[in-house]
Every structure is written in C-alpha cells, then in structure tokens.
C-alpha cells in the first residue's frame, strides 16, 4: 500500500533540507589576532580577554555552544565587553551596561572599535 504524504509535510521537508545556516565561529587566526591586539593594548587600558562558550546560546541543532570573547579593561573587575558571532557578522556588546554597541563585518574591526591599538592595515578580511 502506498503512503500518502500531505503537501504541508512535503513543503516542510523541502524547506528544512534546503536551509543553510551561515554562522561565523572563532578561528585560529582570530585567536592569534586577539593575542596581538591584547598585547598591543596593555598600555591603553586593556587588561585581559577570555575566549569562552555560552551554555545559554545554542545553535539550531540544539547542541553546539557559540564561542564568544570577553574583554576586561583595567578600570573594572567585571568584563567590559563581549564579542560574539551572529550570522556572518560580529556583535559588540557593552557588557557592563548590557547594551549592543554595533555589528561589524570582521572580528578585527570589532576589536578596533574597543581600542584602536593596531593599525587598520593589519586587519585581515574574513
């Protein structure tokens, strides 16, 4: 006996199978740039940075945490900034005030917004 599949089920299957989620992650080159940026910014009040995963932010599969970067400045014991991927962009958040500062095309440009300690010519295109 042949199985009957409704149009709704067919359309749901075709939509879900054709969706390609684009999401950046923290690459080794980002980690290397973060290290150089932090070293260069120590004189300008940068204190530390931590690459971590968020247990609250889960991808569409429901199992992969998203990398983000917390940045501390000398003036405050709490992380001052959070940088996280959102789609193909990087979101910069003022962590102290819980306020989004902007969306940037590259990880390096978002760090440059926090403290412009490396020349823009050194920023690599993602």
C-alpha atoms as a PDB file:
ATOM      1  CA  UNK A   1       0.000   0.000   0.000  1.00  0.00           C
ATOM      2  CA  UNK A   2       1.412   3.436  -0.960  1.00  0.00           C
ATOM      3  CA  UNK A   3       1.927   6.055   1.710  1.00  0.00           C
ATOM      4  CA  UNK A   4       0.238   9.400   1.272  1.00  0.00           C
ATOM      5  CA  UNK A   5       2.240  12.489   2.258  1.00  0.00           C
ATOM      6  CA  UNK A   6       0.471  15.790   2.696  1.00  0.00           C
ATOM      7  CA  UNK A   7       1.637  18.913   0.874  1.00  0.00           C
ATOM      8  CA  UNK A   8       2.360  20.548   4.220  1.00  0.00           C
ATOM      9  CA  UNK A   9       4.759  17.740   5.153  1.00  0.00           C
ATOM     10  CA  UNK A  10       6.466  17.933   1.750  1.00  0.00           C
ATOM     11  CA  UNK A  11       6.900  21.692   1.917  1.00  0.00           C
ATOM     12  CA  UNK A  12       8.263  21.465   5.470  1.00  0.00           C
ATOM     13  CA  UNK A  13      10.765  18.789   4.437  1.00  0.00           C
ATOM     14  CA  UNK A  14      11.979  20.724   1.404  1.00  0.00           C
ATOM     15  CA  UNK A  15      12.360  23.967   3.329  1.00  0.00           C
ATOM     16  CA  UNK A  16      14.216  22.404   6.224  1.00  0.00           C
ATOM     17  CA  UNK A  17      16.578  20.468   3.970  1.00  0.00           C
ATOM     18  CA  UNK A  18      17.495  23.487   1.839  1.00  0.00           C
ATOM     19  CA  UNK A  19      18.289  25.870   4.678  1.00  0.00           C
ATOM     20  CA  UNK A  20      21.984  26.584   5.079  1.00  0.00           C
ATOM     21  CA  UNK A  21      22.822  28.390   8.283  1.00  0.00           C
ATOM     22  CA  UNK A  22      25.719  30.789   7.970  1.00  0.00           C
ATOM     23  CA  UNK A  23      27.422  31.424  11.252  1.00  0.00           C
ATOM     24  CA  UNK A  24      30.938  32.505  11.972  1.00  0.00           C
ATOM     25  CA  UNK A  25      32.977  30.986  14.695  1.00  0.00           C
ATOM     26  CA  UNK A  26      36.224  31.864  16.365  1.00  0.00           C
ATOM     27  CA  UNK A  27      39.003  30.686  14.075  1.00  0.00           C
ATOM     28  CA  UNK A  28      42.694  30.209  14.960  1.00  0.00           C
ATOM     29  CA  UNK A  29      43.524  33.440  13.109  1.00  0.00           C
ATOM     30  CA  UNK A  30      41.018  35.278  15.351  1.00  0.00           C
ATOM     31  CA  UNK A  31      42.720  33.901  18.453  1.00  0.00           C
ATOM     32  CA  UNK A  32      46.132  34.968  17.142  1.00  0.00           C
ATOM     33  CA  UNK A  33      44.866  38.464  16.317  1.00  0.00           C
ATOM     34  CA  UNK A  34      43.205  38.715  19.753  1.00  0.00           C
ATOM     35  CA  UNK A  35      46.524  37.889  21.401  1.00  0.00           C
ATOM     36  CA  UNK A  36      48.410  40.534  19.379  1.00  0.00           C
ATOM     37  CA  UNK A  37      45.636  43.099  19.987  1.00  0.00           C
ATOM     38  CA  UNK A  38      45.676  42.459  23.722  1.00  0.00           C
ATOM     39  CA  UNK A  39      49.471  42.742  23.933  1.00  0.00           C
ATOM     40  CA  UNK A  40      49.411  45.990  21.972  1.00  0.00           C
ATOM     41  CA  UNK A  41      46.601  47.415  24.107  1.00  0.00           C
ATOM     42  CA  UNK A  42      48.047  46.832  27.563  1.00  0.00           C
ATOM     43  CA  UNK A  43      49.290  50.438  27.670  1.00  0.00           C
ATOM     44  CA  UNK A  44      45.843  51.681  26.626  1.00  0.00           C
ATOM     45  CA  UNK A  45      43.951  50.056  29.498  1.00  0.00           C
ATOM     46  CA  UNK A  46      43.244  46.596  28.132  1.00  0.00           C
ATOM     47  CA  UNK A  47      43.690  44.072  30.907  1.00  0.00           C
ATOM     48  CA  UNK A  48      42.686  40.594  29.753  1.00  0.00           C
ATOM     49  CA  UNK A  49      40.486  38.630  27.368  1.00  0.00           C
ATOM     50  CA  UNK A  50      38.894  35.221  27.565  1.00  0.00           C
ATOM     51  CA  UNK A  51      37.510  33.024  24.818  1.00  0.00           C
ATOM     52  CA  UNK A  52      34.630  31.025  26.195  1.00  0.00           C
ATOM     53  CA  UNK A  53      31.451  29.248  25.222  1.00  0.00           C
ATOM     54  CA  UNK A  54      27.979  30.223  26.268  1.00  0.00           C
ATOM     55  CA  UNK A  55      25.817  27.475  27.685  1.00  0.00           C
ATOM     56  CA  UNK A  56      22.746  29.674  27.121  1.00  0.00           C
ATOM     57  CA  UNK A  57      23.319  30.247  23.388  1.00  0.00           C
ATOM     58  CA  UNK A  58      22.626  27.042  21.464  1.00  0.00           C
ATOM     59  CA  UNK A  59      22.697  26.622  17.681  1.00  0.00           C
ATOM     60  CA  UNK A  60      19.768  25.447  15.549  1.00  0.00           C
ATOM     61  CA  UNK A  61      20.717  21.786  16.101  1.00  0.00           C
ATOM     62  CA  UNK A  62      20.296  22.354  19.807  1.00  0.00           C
ATOM     63  CA  UNK A  63      23.718  21.159  20.884  1.00  0.00           C
ATOM     64  CA  UNK A  64      26.641  23.392  19.873  1.00  0.00           C
ATOM     65  CA  UNK A  65      27.550  26.363  22.077  1.00  0.00           C
ATOM     66  CA  UNK A  66      28.684  29.573  20.405  1.00  0.00           C
ATOM     67  CA  UNK A  67      32.155  30.982  21.070  1.00  0.00           C
ATOM     68  CA  UNK A  68      32.377  34.494  22.388  1.00  0.00           C
ATOM     69  CA  UNK A  69      35.104  36.740  23.712  1.00  0.00           C
ATOM     70  CA  UNK A  70      35.005  38.640  26.984  1.00  0.00           C
ATOM     71  CA  UNK A  71      37.337  41.633  27.323  1.00  0.00           C
ATOM     72  CA  UNK A  72      38.402  43.192  30.596  1.00  0.00           C
ATOM     73  CA  UNK A  73      39.738  46.724  30.918  1.00  0.00           C
ATOM     74  CA  UNK A  74      41.917  47.938  33.765  1.00  0.00           C
ATOM     75  CA  UNK A  75      39.226  50.167  35.280  1.00  0.00           C
ATOM     76  CA  UNK A  76      36.698  47.443  36.129  1.00  0.00           C
ATOM     77  CA  UNK A  77      36.826  43.950  37.691  1.00  0.00           C
ATOM     78  CA  UNK A  78      33.910  42.733  35.546  1.00  0.00           C
ATOM     79  CA  UNK A  79      34.221  42.036  31.810  1.00  0.00           C
ATOM     80  CA  UNK A  80      33.647  45.315  29.991  1.00  0.00           C
ATOM     81  CA  UNK A  81      32.872  43.942  26.512  1.00  0.00           C
ATOM     82  CA  UNK A  82      31.531  40.818  24.899  1.00  0.00           C
ATOM     83  CA  UNK A  83      32.106  39.984  21.249  1.00  0.00           C
ATOM     84  CA  UNK A  84      30.080  37.182  19.665  1.00  0.00           C
ATOM     85  CA  UNK A  85      29.247  35.935  16.190  1.00  0.00           C
ATOM     86  CA  UNK A  86      25.761  36.436  14.809  1.00  0.00           C
ATOM     87  CA  UNK A  87      25.295  35.101  11.312  1.00  0.00           C
ATOM     88  CA  UNK A  88      28.151  36.453   9.219  1.00  0.00           C
ATOM     89  CA  UNK A  89      28.776  39.460  11.484  1.00  0.00           C
ATOM     90  CA  UNK A  90      30.323  40.122  14.887  1.00  0.00           C
ATOM     91  CA  UNK A  91      28.226  41.797  17.580  1.00  0.00           C
ATOM     92  CA  UNK A  92      29.976  44.020  20.136  1.00  0.00           C
ATOM     93  CA  UNK A  93      28.193  44.412  23.474  1.00  0.00           C
ATOM     94  CA  UNK A  94      28.951  46.767  26.350  1.00  0.00           C
ATOM     95  CA  UNK A  95      28.812  44.055  28.997  1.00  0.00           C
ATOM     96  CA  UNK A  96      28.643  46.488  31.928  1.00  0.00           C
ATOM     97  CA  UNK A  97      25.536  48.263  30.643  1.00  0.00           C
ATOM     98  CA  UNK A  98      24.109  45.296  28.702  1.00  0.00           C
ATOM     99  CA  UNK A  99      23.927  47.419  25.558  1.00  0.00           C
ATOM    100  CA  UNK A 100      24.726  46.443  21.967  1.00  0.00           C
ATOM    101  CA  UNK A 101      27.336  48.815  20.554  1.00  0.00           C
ATOM    102  CA  UNK A 102      27.317  47.624  16.968  1.00  0.00           C
ATOM    103  CA  UNK A 103      27.534  44.915  14.356  1.00  0.00           C
ATOM    104  CA  UNK A 104      30.787  44.517  12.422  1.00  0.00           C
ATOM    105  CA  UNK A 105      31.815  42.693   9.266  1.00  0.00           C
ATOM    106  CA  UNK A 106      35.032  41.411  10.830  1.00  0.00           C
ATOM    107  CA  UNK A 107      36.277  40.306  14.218  1.00  0.00           C
ATOM    108  CA  UNK A 108      39.272  42.596  13.877  1.00  0.00           C
ATOM    109  CA  UNK A 109      37.142  45.671  13.198  1.00  0.00           C
ATOM    110  CA  UNK A 110      35.046  44.998  16.295  1.00  0.00           C
ATOM    111  CA  UNK A 111      38.206  44.815  18.433  1.00  0.00           C
ATOM    112  CA  UNK A 112      39.447  48.010  16.783  1.00  0.00           C
ATOM    113  CA  UNK A 113      36.239  49.693  17.965  1.00  0.00           C
ATOM    114  CA  UNK A 114      37.030  48.799  21.583  1.00  0.00           C
ATOM    115  CA  UNK A 115      40.612  50.107  21.397  1.00  0.00           C
ATOM    116  CA  UNK A 116      42.354  51.092  18.145  1.00  0.00           C
ATOM    117  CA  UNK A 117      45.743  49.702  19.139  1.00  0.00           C
ATOM    118  CA  UNK A 118      46.743  48.001  15.870  1.00  0.00           C
ATOM    119  CA  UNK A 119      46.832  49.790  12.521  1.00  0.00           C
ATOM    120  CA  UNK A 120      43.833  49.144  10.286  1.00  0.00           C
ATOM    121  CA  UNK A 121      46.209  47.927   7.567  1.00  0.00           C
ATOM    122  CA  UNK A 122      46.830  44.827   9.697  1.00  0.00           C
ATOM    123  CA  UNK A 123      43.155  43.871   9.688  1.00  0.00           C
ATOM    124  CA  UNK A 124      42.620  40.823   7.516  1.00  0.00           C
ATOM    125  CA  UNK A 125      39.465  40.372   5.500  1.00  0.00           C
ATOM    126  CA  UNK A 126      37.356  37.497   6.817  1.00  0.00           C
END
